[in-house]
Each structure stands twice: as structure tokens, then as C-alpha cells.
Amino acid sequence: MIWNWEFAAEALPILLRGFVNTLIATVIGTLIAVVLGLIIAVAIRSLPRWINWLIRLLVAFVRNTPLVMQLMFVYFIFAGIPGLVDVPALVIGFIVIGIHYSTYMSESYRAGIDSVPPGQHEAATALSLPPVRKFTAIVLPQALRATVPSLGNYAVAMFKDTPFLFAISVVELVTSAQQFGAAKFAYTEAFTLAGLIFLAASYPTSLLIQRMEKRLATY
């Protein structure tokens, strides 16, 4: 038989347990990326040139090396050096994924900040607003209007990259499917259900991002 409903029913709870790790890594990783990406974008614009250059170099390194390599590098550092705190693999996973995607989100923030008309900056200066007040009350809200859709797209991309966590022994959704398929020789059922779970979680998010993009465009 190509499809066995008993195997499918047995696999579903196992896959959903693996999906919990996928969801945790995505949500916390996204929060890290959103906050850190903004910090990077602001730092590049405001810090002295020599620090600016160093930050750009680090961002380029993270963006141009594979995510799976970064996961394994950090994981084996913590696993291989005696005396370090025993950090769970899932924690390492969402931190590394968050840092990786923060470098992409920082570019979205940069583009959004650059899209704010110069007249807005001049008006804030004419009102003698402090730099922090100027950024948080005038520049950032307008920048987010152009930035939120791309940030959402990166969050979806992060969700689809969570299977790389298998490299550091995190049992997420795809790894759960692979393990169940190997144990029961039911790869068709396991990976079909895993794909449907990914679709059920990511497609509504994509629709929400599209709706948000259209709504923001009207303001």
C-alpha cells in the first residue's frame, strides 16, 4: 500500500511533538532577529566609522556562511570545551537562527529608515526633538511601514529553515518524520503529514503578511 492510515494516525502525535520544537525555535528566533536586527541597523548608522566597519564585517560573515555550519560550530564549541555551561541544543538553535536572520532583517530596517523623507528629519530638528525622541516617535514608525512585510517574510523563511536543527540533535518536525519513517518504514505518511503541518502553519502567516502589506500601503 502507498498510504496506510494506521501509520498516519500513529505518526501525527509524534510529529506534533516535534512541531513544538519547530514552533519554539521560530517564535523565539524571530523575536531575537527583530530586536537584534533593529539594533544592528541603528548601530551601523550612528556609531563611529571604525566600529561601523567591524559590525558590517561581522554581518557579512554571518550572511555569507551557511546556517547549518553556524549551528554546528556553536553547538560543538559548547559541547567540546569542558567547564562551559551545558546549554540545551534547542536554546543554541533558536539563538543562532535568530542571530543569522537578524543580519537580513537589519538590511530591511536600513532600507525602511532610508525611505523616510528628509523633510521628516528636518521637521524633527526644527522642533528641537532629542535624537532618541526623533527616532522613536517620527523615524521608526514610518520606517516600520515599509519594513514589516519583509520582516514577516523572513520569519516564514526562518520557519522553513528549522529542519537544519537536526544537525545539532534537536528533534524538530522533519527529524520526527524521518525517525518515524525509519522505525515503521512509513516515509510516505510521515513526510506527507510533516509537509501538511508546515503548510498549515506557514500559509496563513503568508496571507496575513500580504494583508498587512496592503493595509500599510493605504496609510
N, C-alpha and C. Protein backbone atom coordinates (compact mmCIF):
# COMPACT_ATOMS: atom_id res chain seq x y z
N MET A 1 0.84 -1.20 0.00
CA MET A 1 0.00 0.00 0.00
C MET A 1 0.87 1.25 0.00
N ILE A 2 0.45 2.24 -0.80
CA ILE A 2 1.17 3.51 -0.84
C ILE A 2 0.90 4.32 0.43
N TRP A 3 -0.31 4.22 0.94
CA TRP A 3 -0.70 5.01 2.12
C TRP A 3 -1.37 4.11 3.13
N ASN A 4 -0.95 4.22 4.39
CA ASN A 4 -1.52 3.43 5.47
C ASN A 4 -2.06 4.38 6.53
N TRP A 5 -3.37 4.38 6.70
CA TRP A 5 -4.00 5.30 7.63
C TRP A 5 -3.62 5.02 9.08
N GLU A 6 -3.34 3.76 9.42
CA GLU A 6 -2.92 3.44 10.78
C GLU A 6 -1.56 4.08 11.09
N PHE A 7 -0.63 3.98 10.14
CA PHE A 7 0.66 4.63 10.32
C PHE A 7 0.50 6.14 10.43
N ALA A 8 -0.41 6.70 9.60
CA ALA A 8 -0.63 8.15 9.62
C ALA A 8 -1.16 8.59 10.98
N ALA A 9 -2.13 7.83 11.52
CA ALA A 9 -2.69 8.17 12.82
C ALA A 9 -1.65 8.04 13.93
N GLU A 10 -0.76 7.05 13.81
CA GLU A 10 0.28 6.86 14.80
C GLU A 10 1.36 7.93 14.70
N ALA A 11 1.62 8.41 13.49
CA ALA A 11 2.68 9.39 13.28
C ALA A 11 2.27 10.79 13.73
N LEU A 12 1.00 11.13 13.58
CA LEU A 12 0.57 12.51 13.81
C LEU A 12 0.94 13.05 15.19
N PRO A 13 0.65 12.34 16.30
CA PRO A 13 1.05 12.89 17.61
C PRO A 13 2.56 13.07 17.75
N ILE A 14 3.34 12.16 17.18
CA ILE A 14 4.79 12.25 17.25
C ILE A 14 5.26 13.49 16.48
N LEU A 15 4.68 13.71 15.31
CA LEU A 15 5.06 14.88 14.51
C LEU A 15 4.67 16.17 15.20
N LEU A 16 3.52 16.18 15.85
CA LEU A 16 3.09 17.40 16.54
C LEU A 16 4.01 17.72 17.72
N ARG A 17 4.54 16.68 18.37
CA ARG A 17 5.50 16.94 19.45
C ARG A 17 6.79 17.54 18.88
N GLY A 18 7.22 17.03 17.73
CA GLY A 18 8.37 17.64 17.07
C GLY A 18 8.09 19.05 16.61
N PHE A 19 6.84 19.30 16.22
CA PHE A 19 6.45 20.64 15.75
C PHE A 19 6.56 21.67 16.86
N VAL A 20 6.40 21.24 18.12
CA VAL A 20 6.53 22.16 19.24
C VAL A 20 7.93 22.78 19.25
N ASN A 21 8.96 21.95 19.05
CA ASN A 21 10.33 22.48 18.99
C ASN A 21 10.51 23.41 17.80
N THR A 22 9.90 23.03 16.66
CA THR A 22 9.95 23.90 15.48
C THR A 22 9.33 25.26 15.78
N LEU A 23 8.18 25.24 16.44
CA LEU A 23 7.47 26.48 16.75
C LEU A 23 8.25 27.33 17.74
N ILE A 24 8.82 26.70 18.77
CA ILE A 24 9.61 27.44 19.76
C ILE A 24 10.80 28.11 19.09
N ALA A 25 11.52 27.35 18.26
CA ALA A 25 12.69 27.90 17.58
C ALA A 25 12.30 29.07 16.67
N THR A 26 11.15 28.96 16.01
CA THR A 26 10.71 30.01 15.09
C THR A 26 10.30 31.27 15.84
N VAL A 27 9.48 31.11 16.87
CA VAL A 27 8.95 32.28 17.59
C VAL A 27 10.07 33.02 18.32
N ILE A 28 10.87 32.29 19.10
CA ILE A 28 11.93 32.96 19.85
C ILE A 28 13.02 33.47 18.91
N GLY A 29 13.34 32.68 17.88
CA GLY A 29 14.32 33.14 16.90
C GLY A 29 13.87 34.41 16.20
N THR A 30 12.58 34.50 15.89
CA THR A 30 12.05 35.71 15.25
C THR A 30 12.15 36.92 16.17
N LEU A 31 11.82 36.74 17.45
CA LEU A 31 11.93 37.84 18.40
C LEU A 31 13.38 38.33 18.50
N ILE A 32 14.31 37.39 18.57
CA ILE A 32 15.72 37.78 18.62
C ILE A 32 16.12 38.53 17.36
N ALA A 33 15.71 38.01 16.21
CA ALA A 33 16.09 38.63 14.94
C ALA A 33 15.49 40.02 14.78
N VAL A 34 14.24 40.20 15.19
CA VAL A 34 13.57 41.51 15.05
C VAL A 34 14.27 42.56 15.91
N VAL A 35 14.57 42.21 17.15
CA VAL A 35 15.20 43.18 18.06
C VAL A 35 16.65 43.43 17.67
N LEU A 36 17.41 42.34 17.46
CA LEU A 36 18.82 42.48 17.14
C LEU A 36 19.02 43.14 15.77
N GLY A 37 18.14 42.84 14.82
CA GLY A 37 18.24 43.46 13.51
C GLY A 37 18.10 44.97 13.58
N LEU A 38 17.17 45.45 14.42
CA LEU A 38 17.00 46.89 14.60
C LEU A 38 18.23 47.50 15.26
N ILE A 39 18.77 46.81 16.27
CA ILE A 39 19.97 47.31 16.94
C ILE A 39 21.13 47.42 15.96
N ILE A 40 21.30 46.42 15.11
CA ILE A 40 22.39 46.45 14.12
C ILE A 40 22.20 47.61 13.15
N ALA A 41 20.97 47.79 12.66
CA ALA A 41 20.71 48.86 11.70
C ALA A 41 21.00 50.23 12.29
N VAL A 42 20.57 50.44 13.53
CA VAL A 42 20.81 51.73 14.19
C VAL A 42 22.29 51.92 14.48
N ALA A 43 22.96 50.84 14.91
CA ALA A 43 24.39 50.93 15.23
C ALA A 43 25.21 51.31 14.00
N ILE A 44 24.89 50.70 12.87
CA ILE A 44 25.63 50.99 11.64
C ILE A 44 25.47 52.46 11.24
N ARG A 45 24.31 53.03 11.52
CA ARG A 45 24.07 54.42 11.13
C ARG A 45 24.66 55.43 12.09
N SER A 46 24.83 55.03 13.36
CA SER A 46 25.14 56.05 14.37
C SER A 46 26.51 55.92 15.03
N LEU A 47 27.12 54.74 14.99
CA LEU A 47 28.40 54.56 15.69
C LEU A 47 29.57 55.06 14.84
N PRO A 48 30.73 55.28 15.45
CA PRO A 48 31.90 55.74 14.70
C PRO A 48 32.27 54.78 13.57
N ARG A 49 33.00 55.31 12.60
CA ARG A 49 33.27 54.56 11.38
C ARG A 49 34.01 53.26 11.63
N TRP A 50 34.97 53.26 12.56
CA TRP A 50 35.75 52.03 12.76
C TRP A 50 34.91 50.92 13.38
N ILE A 51 33.97 51.29 14.26
CA ILE A 51 33.05 50.30 14.82
C ILE A 51 32.04 49.88 13.75
N ASN A 52 31.58 50.85 12.97
CA ASN A 52 30.67 50.59 11.86
C ASN A 52 31.26 49.54 10.92
N TRP A 53 32.55 49.71 10.59
CA TRP A 53 33.21 48.78 9.69
C TRP A 53 33.26 47.37 10.29
N LEU A 54 33.52 47.27 11.58
CA LEU A 54 33.59 45.97 12.25
C LEU A 54 32.23 45.29 12.25
N ILE A 55 31.17 46.05 12.53
CA ILE A 55 29.82 45.48 12.53
C ILE A 55 29.45 44.98 11.13
N ARG A 56 29.77 45.77 10.11
CA ARG A 56 29.48 45.35 8.74
C ARG A 56 30.23 44.07 8.39
N LEU A 57 31.46 43.95 8.86
CA LEU A 57 32.25 42.75 8.59
C LEU A 57 31.61 41.52 9.24
N LEU A 58 31.18 41.67 10.49
CA LEU A 58 30.53 40.56 11.18
C LEU A 58 29.21 40.18 10.51
N VAL A 59 28.44 41.19 10.11
CA VAL A 59 27.17 40.93 9.42
C VAL A 59 27.42 40.20 8.10
N ALA A 60 28.41 40.63 7.35
CA ALA A 60 28.73 39.97 6.08
C ALA A 60 29.16 38.52 6.31
N PHE A 61 29.93 38.28 7.37
CA PHE A 61 30.37 36.92 7.67
C PHE A 61 29.17 36.02 7.97
N VAL A 62 28.25 36.51 8.81
CA VAL A 62 27.09 35.70 9.17
C VAL A 62 26.19 35.45 7.97
N ARG A 63 25.99 36.46 7.15
CA ARG A 63 25.10 36.32 6.00
C ARG A 63 25.68 35.41 4.92
N ASN A 64 26.99 35.33 4.83
CA ASN A 64 27.62 34.60 3.73
C ASN A 64 28.20 33.25 4.12
N THR A 65 27.83 32.77 5.31
CA THR A 65 28.19 31.42 5.70
C THR A 65 26.90 30.64 5.95
N PRO A 66 26.90 29.33 5.68
CA PRO A 66 25.66 28.54 5.81
C PRO A 66 25.15 28.49 7.25
N LEU A 67 23.84 28.54 7.38
CA LEU A 67 23.22 28.47 8.70
C LEU A 67 23.57 27.16 9.40
N VAL A 68 23.56 26.05 8.67
CA VAL A 68 23.83 24.76 9.30
C VAL A 68 25.26 24.71 9.85
N MET A 69 26.20 25.36 9.16
CA MET A 69 27.57 25.41 9.65
C MET A 69 27.66 26.22 10.94
N GLN A 70 26.93 27.33 11.00
CA GLN A 70 26.92 28.16 12.21
C GLN A 70 26.33 27.38 13.39
N LEU A 71 25.26 26.64 13.14
CA LEU A 71 24.65 25.84 14.20
C LEU A 71 25.64 24.82 14.76
N MET A 72 26.30 24.10 13.87
CA MET A 72 27.22 23.06 14.30
C MET A 72 28.44 23.67 14.99
N PHE A 73 28.93 24.79 14.48
CA PHE A 73 30.10 25.44 15.07
C PHE A 73 29.83 25.83 16.52
N VAL A 74 28.72 26.52 16.76
CA VAL A 74 28.39 26.97 18.13
C VAL A 74 28.08 25.77 19.02
N TYR A 75 27.35 24.81 18.49
CA TYR A 75 26.97 23.63 19.29
C TYR A 75 28.20 22.87 19.76
N PHE A 76 29.14 22.63 18.87
CA PHE A 76 30.31 21.84 19.23
C PHE A 76 31.29 22.63 20.09
N ILE A 77 31.25 23.96 20.02
CA ILE A 77 32.04 24.76 20.96
C ILE A 77 31.55 24.51 22.38
N PHE A 78 30.22 24.57 22.57
CA PHE A 78 29.67 24.36 23.91
C PHE A 78 29.79 22.91 24.35
N ALA A 79 29.74 21.98 23.39
CA ALA A 79 29.82 20.57 23.74
C ALA A 79 31.26 20.10 23.96
N GLY A 80 32.22 20.78 23.32
CA GLY A 80 33.58 20.27 23.33
C GLY A 80 34.52 20.92 24.32
N ILE A 81 34.14 22.03 24.91
CA ILE A 81 35.03 22.73 25.84
C ILE A 81 34.57 22.45 27.27
N PRO A 82 35.38 21.75 28.05
CA PRO A 82 34.98 21.45 29.44
C PRO A 82 34.87 22.72 30.27
N GLY A 83 33.92 22.70 31.18
CA GLY A 83 33.75 23.84 32.08
C GLY A 83 32.69 24.82 31.63
N LEU A 84 32.27 24.76 30.35
CA LEU A 84 31.21 25.65 29.89
C LEU A 84 29.86 25.17 30.39
N VAL A 85 28.93 26.09 30.51
CA VAL A 85 27.58 25.74 30.94
C VAL A 85 26.94 24.83 29.90
N ASP A 86 26.23 23.80 30.39
CA ASP A 86 25.57 22.86 29.50
C ASP A 86 24.29 23.51 28.94
N VAL A 87 24.40 24.10 27.78
CA VAL A 87 23.26 24.80 27.16
C VAL A 87 22.49 23.80 26.29
N PRO A 88 21.16 23.71 26.46
CA PRO A 88 20.37 22.80 25.63
C PRO A 88 20.52 23.12 24.14
N ALA A 89 20.47 22.07 23.33
CA ALA A 89 20.64 22.25 21.89
C ALA A 89 19.57 23.16 21.31
N LEU A 90 18.34 23.07 21.81
CA LEU A 90 17.27 23.91 21.29
C LEU A 90 17.55 25.39 21.55
N VAL A 91 18.11 25.69 22.72
CA VAL A 91 18.45 27.08 23.04
C VAL A 91 19.53 27.59 22.09
N ILE A 92 20.56 26.78 21.87
CA ILE A 92 21.59 27.15 20.91
C ILE A 92 20.96 27.36 19.54
N GLY A 93 20.02 26.50 19.19
CA GLY A 93 19.38 26.58 17.87
C GLY A 93 18.66 27.88 17.65
N PHE A 94 17.76 28.27 18.58
CA PHE A 94 17.00 29.50 18.30
C PHE A 94 17.85 30.75 18.44
N ILE A 95 18.91 30.70 19.26
CA ILE A 95 19.80 31.86 19.34
C ILE A 95 20.57 32.03 18.03
N VAL A 96 21.13 30.94 17.52
CA VAL A 96 21.91 31.02 16.27
C VAL A 96 21.01 31.41 15.10
N ILE A 97 19.83 30.81 15.01
CA ILE A 97 18.90 31.16 13.93
C ILE A 97 18.50 32.63 14.04
N GLY A 98 18.23 33.10 15.27
CA GLY A 98 17.86 34.50 15.45
C GLY A 98 18.96 35.44 15.03
N ILE A 99 20.20 35.14 15.42
CA ILE A 99 21.33 35.98 15.01
C ILE A 99 21.51 35.95 13.50
N HIS A 100 21.39 34.77 12.91
CA HIS A 100 21.56 34.64 11.46
C HIS A 100 20.56 35.52 10.71
N TYR A 101 19.30 35.44 11.09
CA TYR A 101 18.28 36.20 10.37
C TYR A 101 18.26 37.68 10.77
N SER A 102 18.86 38.02 11.91
CA SER A 102 18.93 39.43 12.27
C SER A 102 19.77 40.21 11.27
N THR A 103 20.76 39.55 10.66
CA THR A 103 21.60 40.24 9.68
C THR A 103 20.80 40.59 8.43
N TYR A 104 19.83 39.76 8.08
CA TYR A 104 18.96 40.06 6.94
C TYR A 104 17.94 41.14 7.32
N MET A 105 17.36 40.99 8.50
CA MET A 105 16.37 41.97 8.93
C MET A 105 16.98 43.35 9.10
N SER A 106 18.26 43.41 9.47
CA SER A 106 18.91 44.72 9.63
C SER A 106 18.91 45.49 8.31
N GLU A 107 19.06 44.77 7.20
CA GLU A 107 19.01 45.43 5.89
C GLU A 107 17.61 45.95 5.59
N SER A 108 16.59 45.21 6.01
CA SER A 108 15.22 45.69 5.84
C SER A 108 14.98 46.95 6.65
N TYR A 109 15.46 46.95 7.89
CA TYR A 109 15.34 48.15 8.72
C TYR A 109 16.08 49.33 8.08
N ARG A 110 17.29 49.06 7.59
CA ARG A 110 18.08 50.12 6.98
C ARG A 110 17.33 50.75 5.80
N ALA A 111 16.76 49.89 4.95
CA ALA A 111 16.01 50.38 3.79
C ALA A 111 14.78 51.17 4.25
N GLY A 112 14.12 50.69 5.30
CA GLY A 112 12.95 51.40 5.80
C GLY A 112 13.31 52.77 6.37
N ILE A 113 14.41 52.83 7.12
CA ILE A 113 14.85 54.12 7.67
C ILE A 113 15.25 55.08 6.56
N ASP A 114 15.94 54.57 5.55
CA ASP A 114 16.35 55.42 4.44
C ASP A 114 15.16 55.92 3.62
N SER A 115 14.03 55.20 3.70
CA SER A 115 12.86 55.60 2.92
C SER A 115 12.09 56.76 3.55
N VAL A 116 12.40 57.09 4.80
CA VAL A 116 11.72 58.22 5.46
C VAL A 116 12.15 59.51 4.78
N PRO A 117 11.21 60.33 4.31
CA PRO A 117 11.57 61.56 3.58
C PRO A 117 12.47 62.47 4.41
N PRO A 118 13.44 63.13 3.80
CA PRO A 118 14.33 64.05 4.53
C PRO A 118 13.58 65.16 5.26
N GLY A 119 12.44 65.55 4.71
CA GLY A 119 11.66 66.60 5.35
C GLY A 119 11.21 66.23 6.75
N GLN A 120 11.00 64.94 6.99
CA GLN A 120 10.60 64.50 8.34
C GLN A 120 11.74 64.71 9.33
N HIS A 121 12.95 64.41 8.89
CA HIS A 121 14.12 64.63 9.74
C HIS A 121 14.30 66.13 10.02
N GLU A 122 14.11 66.94 8.99
CA GLU A 122 14.28 68.38 9.15
C GLU A 122 13.21 68.96 10.07
N ALA A 123 11.98 68.45 9.95
CA ALA A 123 10.91 68.94 10.82
C ALA A 123 11.20 68.60 12.28
N ALA A 124 11.70 67.38 12.52
CA ALA A 124 12.03 66.98 13.89
C ALA A 124 13.15 67.84 14.45
N THR A 125 14.12 68.15 13.60
CA THR A 125 15.23 69.01 14.04
C THR A 125 14.73 70.42 14.35
N ALA A 126 13.81 70.91 13.52
CA ALA A 126 13.26 72.25 13.74
C ALA A 126 12.47 72.33 15.04
N LEU A 127 11.87 71.20 15.45
CA LEU A 127 11.12 71.16 16.70
C LEU A 127 12.02 70.91 17.90
N SER A 128 13.33 70.79 17.65
CA SER A 128 14.33 70.56 18.71
C SER A 128 14.06 69.29 19.50
N LEU A 129 13.60 68.28 18.79
CA LEU A 129 13.39 66.99 19.46
C LEU A 129 14.72 66.32 19.75
N PRO A 130 14.87 65.69 20.91
CA PRO A 130 16.09 64.93 21.20
C PRO A 130 16.24 63.80 20.18
N PRO A 131 17.47 63.38 19.90
CA PRO A 131 17.68 62.33 18.89
C PRO A 131 16.88 61.05 19.15
N VAL A 132 16.82 60.62 20.41
CA VAL A 132 16.08 59.38 20.72
C VAL A 132 14.60 59.58 20.45
N ARG A 133 14.06 60.72 20.88
CA ARG A 133 12.64 61.03 20.65
C ARG A 133 12.36 61.14 19.16
N LYS A 134 13.25 61.76 18.44
CA LYS A 134 13.10 61.90 16.99
C LYS A 134 13.03 60.54 16.31
N PHE A 135 13.89 59.62 16.74
CA PHE A 135 13.93 58.30 16.10
C PHE A 135 12.70 57.48 16.46
N THR A 136 12.34 57.44 17.75
CA THR A 136 11.25 56.56 18.18
C THR A 136 9.87 57.08 17.80
N ALA A 137 9.71 58.41 17.74
CA ALA A 137 8.38 58.97 17.50
C ALA A 137 8.12 59.31 16.04
N ILE A 138 9.18 59.57 15.28
CA ILE A 138 8.97 60.03 13.90
C ILE A 138 9.57 59.07 12.87
N VAL A 139 10.84 58.73 13.04
CA VAL A 139 11.52 57.94 12.02
C VAL A 139 11.08 56.47 12.05
N LEU A 140 11.13 55.85 13.23
CA LEU A 140 10.85 54.42 13.32
C LEU A 140 9.44 54.04 12.90
N PRO A 141 8.38 54.76 13.34
CA PRO A 141 7.04 54.37 12.90
C PRO A 141 6.89 54.39 11.38
N GLN A 142 7.49 55.38 10.72
CA GLN A 142 7.39 55.44 9.26
C GLN A 142 8.25 54.37 8.60
N ALA A 143 9.38 54.07 9.22
CA ALA A 143 10.25 53.02 8.67
C ALA A 143 9.58 51.65 8.76
N LEU A 144 8.88 51.41 9.86
CA LEU A 144 8.23 50.11 10.04
C LEU A 144 7.14 49.87 9.00
N ARG A 145 6.54 50.93 8.51
CA ARG A 145 5.50 50.79 7.48
C ARG A 145 6.04 50.08 6.25
N ALA A 146 7.28 50.38 5.91
CA ALA A 146 7.90 49.75 4.74
C ALA A 146 8.64 48.48 5.09
N THR A 147 8.85 48.22 6.38
CA THR A 147 9.71 47.12 6.82
C THR A 147 8.93 45.88 7.24
N VAL A 148 7.76 46.06 7.84
CA VAL A 148 7.02 44.94 8.42
C VAL A 148 6.79 43.79 7.44
N PRO A 149 6.36 44.04 6.19
CA PRO A 149 6.14 42.90 5.27
C PRO A 149 7.38 42.06 5.05
N SER A 150 8.54 42.68 4.87
CA SER A 150 9.76 41.91 4.63
C SER A 150 10.19 41.17 5.89
N LEU A 151 9.96 41.76 7.06
CA LEU A 151 10.26 41.06 8.31
C LEU A 151 9.40 39.81 8.44
N GLY A 152 8.15 39.92 8.05
CA GLY A 152 7.27 38.74 8.09
C GLY A 152 7.74 37.66 7.14
N ASN A 153 8.20 38.06 5.96
CA ASN A 153 8.71 37.07 5.00
C ASN A 153 9.94 36.36 5.54
N TYR A 154 10.80 37.09 6.24
CA TYR A 154 11.98 36.45 6.84
C TYR A 154 11.57 35.49 7.96
N ALA A 155 10.51 35.83 8.69
CA ALA A 155 10.03 34.92 9.74
C ALA A 155 9.54 33.61 9.14
N VAL A 156 8.84 33.70 8.00
CA VAL A 156 8.39 32.48 7.32
C VAL A 156 9.58 31.68 6.82
N ALA A 157 10.58 32.37 6.27
CA ALA A 157 11.79 31.68 5.80
C ALA A 157 12.51 31.00 6.96
N MET A 158 12.53 31.65 8.13
CA MET A 158 13.14 31.05 9.31
C MET A 158 12.41 29.78 9.71
N PHE A 159 11.09 29.82 9.64
CA PHE A 159 10.27 28.65 9.96
C PHE A 159 10.65 27.48 9.06
N LYS A 160 10.85 27.75 7.79
CA LYS A 160 11.20 26.68 6.84
C LYS A 160 12.64 26.22 6.98
N ASP A 161 13.48 27.01 7.66
CA ASP A 161 14.88 26.62 7.88
C ASP A 161 15.09 25.85 9.18
N THR A 162 14.05 25.71 10.00
CA THR A 162 14.23 25.00 11.27
C THR A 162 14.65 23.54 11.10
N PRO A 163 14.37 22.85 9.98
CA PRO A 163 14.90 21.48 9.84
C PRO A 163 16.41 21.38 9.97
N PHE A 164 17.14 22.50 9.77
CA PHE A 164 18.59 22.45 9.95
C PHE A 164 18.97 22.14 11.40
N LEU A 165 18.02 22.26 12.32
CA LEU A 165 18.31 21.94 13.71
C LEU A 165 18.66 20.48 13.92
N PHE A 166 18.34 19.64 12.94
CA PHE A 166 18.71 18.23 13.05
C PHE A 166 20.23 18.08 13.22
N ALA A 167 20.99 19.04 12.68
CA ALA A 167 22.45 18.97 12.73
C ALA A 167 22.99 19.04 14.15
N ILE A 168 22.20 19.59 15.08
CA ILE A 168 22.65 19.67 16.48
C ILE A 168 21.74 18.83 17.37
N SER A 169 21.12 17.82 16.78
CA SER A 169 20.36 16.79 17.52
C SER A 169 19.07 17.32 18.14
N VAL A 170 18.50 18.37 17.59
CA VAL A 170 17.17 18.82 18.02
C VAL A 170 16.13 18.06 17.23
N VAL A 171 15.21 17.41 17.93
CA VAL A 171 14.17 16.62 17.26
C VAL A 171 13.02 17.56 16.93
N GLU A 172 13.09 18.19 15.76
CA GLU A 172 12.00 19.07 15.30
C GLU A 172 11.11 18.26 14.35
N LEU A 173 10.28 18.96 13.60
CA LEU A 173 9.24 18.30 12.82
C LEU A 173 9.80 17.34 11.79
N VAL A 174 10.75 17.78 10.98
CA VAL A 174 11.28 16.93 9.91
C VAL A 174 12.06 15.75 10.48
N THR A 175 12.83 15.98 11.55
CA THR A 175 13.56 14.89 12.19
C THR A 175 12.59 13.87 12.78
N SER A 176 11.48 14.34 13.35
CA SER A 176 10.46 13.42 13.85
C SER A 176 9.91 12.56 12.73
N ALA A 177 9.67 13.18 11.57
CA ALA A 177 9.17 12.42 10.42
C ALA A 177 10.19 11.39 9.95
N GLN A 178 11.46 11.79 9.92
CA GLN A 178 12.50 10.87 9.47
C GLN A 178 12.63 9.69 10.44
N GLN A 179 12.59 9.96 11.73
CA GLN A 179 12.74 8.89 12.72
C GLN A 179 11.55 7.94 12.68
N PHE A 180 10.35 8.48 12.55
CA PHE A 180 9.17 7.62 12.47
C PHE A 180 9.19 6.80 11.18
N GLY A 181 9.55 7.43 10.08
CA GLY A 181 9.62 6.70 8.82
C GLY A 181 10.62 5.57 8.86
N ALA A 182 11.77 5.80 9.52
CA ALA A 182 12.79 4.76 9.62
C ALA A 182 12.34 3.61 10.52
N ALA A 183 11.61 3.96 11.60
CA ALA A 183 11.18 2.93 12.54
C ALA A 183 10.05 2.06 11.98
N LYS A 184 9.15 2.67 11.22
CA LYS A 184 7.98 1.95 10.72
C LYS A 184 8.03 1.69 9.22
N PHE A 185 9.08 2.17 8.59
CA PHE A 185 9.18 2.14 7.13
C PHE A 185 7.91 2.75 6.51
N ALA A 186 7.59 3.93 7.02
CA ALA A 186 6.38 4.64 6.59
C ALA A 186 6.75 6.08 6.25
N TYR A 187 7.70 6.23 5.35
CA TYR A 187 8.18 7.57 5.00
C TYR A 187 7.09 8.39 4.30
N THR A 188 6.27 7.74 3.49
CA THR A 188 5.23 8.48 2.75
C THR A 188 4.28 9.17 3.71
N GLU A 189 3.78 8.43 4.69
CA GLU A 189 2.85 9.01 5.65
C GLU A 189 3.52 10.09 6.49
N ALA A 190 4.73 9.78 6.98
CA ALA A 190 5.40 10.72 7.88
C ALA A 190 5.72 12.04 7.20
N PHE A 191 6.32 11.97 6.01
CA PHE A 191 6.74 13.23 5.36
C PHE A 191 5.56 13.96 4.72
N THR A 192 4.52 13.23 4.32
CA THR A 192 3.33 13.92 3.82
C THR A 192 2.67 14.73 4.93
N LEU A 193 2.53 14.11 6.09
CA LEU A 193 1.93 14.83 7.21
C LEU A 193 2.82 16.00 7.66
N ALA A 194 4.13 15.79 7.65
CA ALA A 194 5.03 16.89 8.02
C ALA A 194 4.89 18.06 7.06
N GLY A 195 4.79 17.76 5.77
CA GLY A 195 4.61 18.82 4.79
C GLY A 195 3.29 19.55 4.98
N LEU A 196 2.23 18.80 5.31
CA LEU A 196 0.93 19.43 5.53
C LEU A 196 0.95 20.32 6.78
N ILE A 197 1.68 19.88 7.82
CA ILE A 197 1.78 20.69 9.02
C ILE A 197 2.53 21.99 8.72
N PHE A 198 3.63 21.89 7.96
CA PHE A 198 4.35 23.09 7.55
C PHE A 198 3.44 24.03 6.77
N LEU A 199 2.67 23.47 5.83
CA LEU A 199 1.78 24.28 5.00
C LEU A 199 0.69 24.94 5.85
N ALA A 200 0.12 24.16 6.77
CA ALA A 200 -0.96 24.69 7.61
C ALA A 200 -0.47 25.82 8.51
N ALA A 201 0.80 25.79 8.88
CA ALA A 201 1.33 26.83 9.75
C ALA A 201 1.83 28.04 8.98
N SER A 202 2.44 27.81 7.81
CA SER A 202 3.08 28.92 7.09
C SER A 202 2.14 29.64 6.13
N TYR A 203 1.19 28.94 5.54
CA TYR A 203 0.33 29.60 4.53
C TYR A 203 -0.55 30.69 5.14
N PRO A 204 -1.23 30.45 6.28
CA PRO A 204 -1.99 31.55 6.88
C PRO A 204 -1.11 32.74 7.25
N THR A 205 0.12 32.45 7.69
CA THR A 205 1.04 33.55 8.01
C THR A 205 1.36 34.37 6.78
N SER A 206 1.58 33.69 5.65
CA SER A 206 1.85 34.40 4.40
C SER A 206 0.67 35.28 4.00
N LEU A 207 -0.55 34.75 4.14
CA LEU A 207 -1.74 35.55 3.82
C LEU A 207 -1.85 36.76 4.75
N LEU A 208 -1.52 36.57 6.02
CA LEU A 208 -1.57 37.68 6.98
C LEU A 208 -0.57 38.76 6.61
N ILE A 209 0.61 38.34 6.17
CA ILE A 209 1.64 39.31 5.76
C ILE A 209 1.18 40.10 4.54
N GLN A 210 0.59 39.40 3.57
CA GLN A 210 0.09 40.09 2.38
C GLN A 210 -1.00 41.09 2.74
N ARG A 211 -1.90 40.70 3.64
CA ARG A 211 -2.96 41.61 4.05
C ARG A 211 -2.39 42.82 4.79
N MET A 212 -1.39 42.56 5.65
CA MET A 212 -0.76 43.65 6.39
C MET A 212 -0.06 44.61 5.43
N GLU A 213 0.58 44.05 4.41
CA GLU A 213 1.29 44.89 3.43
C GLU A 213 0.32 45.80 2.70
N LYS A 214 -0.83 45.27 2.30
CA LYS A 214 -1.83 46.07 1.61
C LYS A 214 -2.42 47.15 2.54
N ARG A 215 -2.62 46.77 3.79
CA ARG A 215 -3.18 47.74 4.73
C ARG A 215 -2.21 48.87 5.02
N LEU A 216 -0.94 48.52 5.21
CA LEU A 216 0.05 49.55 5.48
C LEU A 216 0.24 50.48 4.30
N ALA A 217 0.04 49.96 3.09
CA ALA A 217 0.22 50.77 1.89
C ALA A 217 -0.85 51.85 1.77
N THR A 218 -1.98 51.68 2.48
CA THR A 218 -3.06 52.67 2.39
C THR A 218 -2.86 53.84 3.33
N TYR A 219 -1.90 53.72 4.28
CA TYR A 219 -1.68 54.80 5.25
C TYR A 219 -0.67 55.81 4.72
